[in-house]
Amino acid sequence: MYGYESLVWVNDIDGKEFVCSMDSGHQGTPKRFDDLSEQERQSCRNVNEIIGTERW
């Protein structure tokens, strides 16, 4: 998967939302940021940094 379907949205323990790119080797869909490996976490971006919070 290389497009939109490879993206997952997860929250960390503080409730921050992240969008992460998952490769086909990941088993299942992660539910929390803490469920990701260190390598997978490096592909994540904080959603609030991308779109800001003024619209929410």
Protein backbone atom coordinates (compact mmCIF):
# COMPACT_ATOMS: atom_id res chain seq x y z
CA MET A 1 0.00 0.00 0.00
CA TYR A 2 1.36 3.40 -0.92
CA GLY A 3 -1.60 5.78 -0.82
CA TYR A 4 -4.30 6.90 1.54
CA GLU A 5 -5.07 3.30 2.48
CA SER A 6 -1.63 2.99 4.11
CA LEU A 7 -2.42 5.75 6.64
CA VAL A 8 -3.72 5.14 10.15
CA TRP A 9 -4.86 7.61 12.80
CA VAL A 10 -3.89 6.93 16.41
CA ASN A 11 -3.97 8.84 19.69
CA ASP A 12 -1.30 8.97 22.34
CA ILE A 13 -1.92 8.74 26.07
CA ASP A 14 -2.51 12.53 26.25
CA GLY A 15 -5.15 12.41 23.50
CA LYS A 16 -3.03 13.94 20.72
CA GLU A 17 -3.97 12.60 17.30
CA PHE A 18 -1.31 11.35 14.89
CA VAL A 19 -1.42 10.19 11.29
CA CYS A 20 1.08 7.45 10.51
CA SER A 21 2.14 5.60 7.39
CA MET A 22 2.02 1.83 7.89
CA ASP A 23 3.79 -0.62 5.64
CA SER A 24 2.24 -3.92 4.68
CA GLY A 25 4.34 -5.72 7.32
CA HIS A 26 2.34 -4.31 10.24
CA GLN A 27 -0.07 -6.82 11.73
CA GLY A 28 -3.54 -5.40 12.32
CA THR A 29 -4.52 -1.78 12.80
CA PRO A 30 -2.88 -0.07 15.78
CA LYS A 31 -5.28 1.48 18.26
CA ARG A 32 -2.82 3.70 20.15
CA PHE A 33 0.43 5.52 19.45
CA ASP A 34 2.04 3.35 22.15
CA ASP A 35 1.23 0.23 20.09
CA LEU A 36 3.66 1.34 17.36
CA SER A 37 7.30 0.38 17.09
CA GLU A 38 9.94 3.12 17.26
CA GLN A 39 10.43 2.88 13.50
CA GLU A 40 6.68 3.23 12.88
CA ARG A 41 6.50 6.23 15.22
CA GLN A 42 9.05 8.01 13.04
CA SER A 43 6.54 7.95 10.17
CA CYS A 44 3.91 9.75 12.28
CA ARG A 45 2.94 13.41 12.25
CA ASN A 46 0.91 15.26 14.86
CA VAL A 47 -2.34 16.18 13.10
CA ASN A 48 -2.59 19.52 14.95
CA GLU A 49 0.77 20.56 13.49
CA ILE A 50 -0.53 19.90 9.98
CA ILE A 51 -3.97 21.51 10.08
CA GLY A 52 -3.82 23.61 13.26
CA THR A 53 -6.35 23.78 16.04
CA GLU A 54 -8.16 27.01 15.17
CA ARG A 55 -10.73 25.11 13.07
CA TRP A 56 -11.59 22.51 15.70
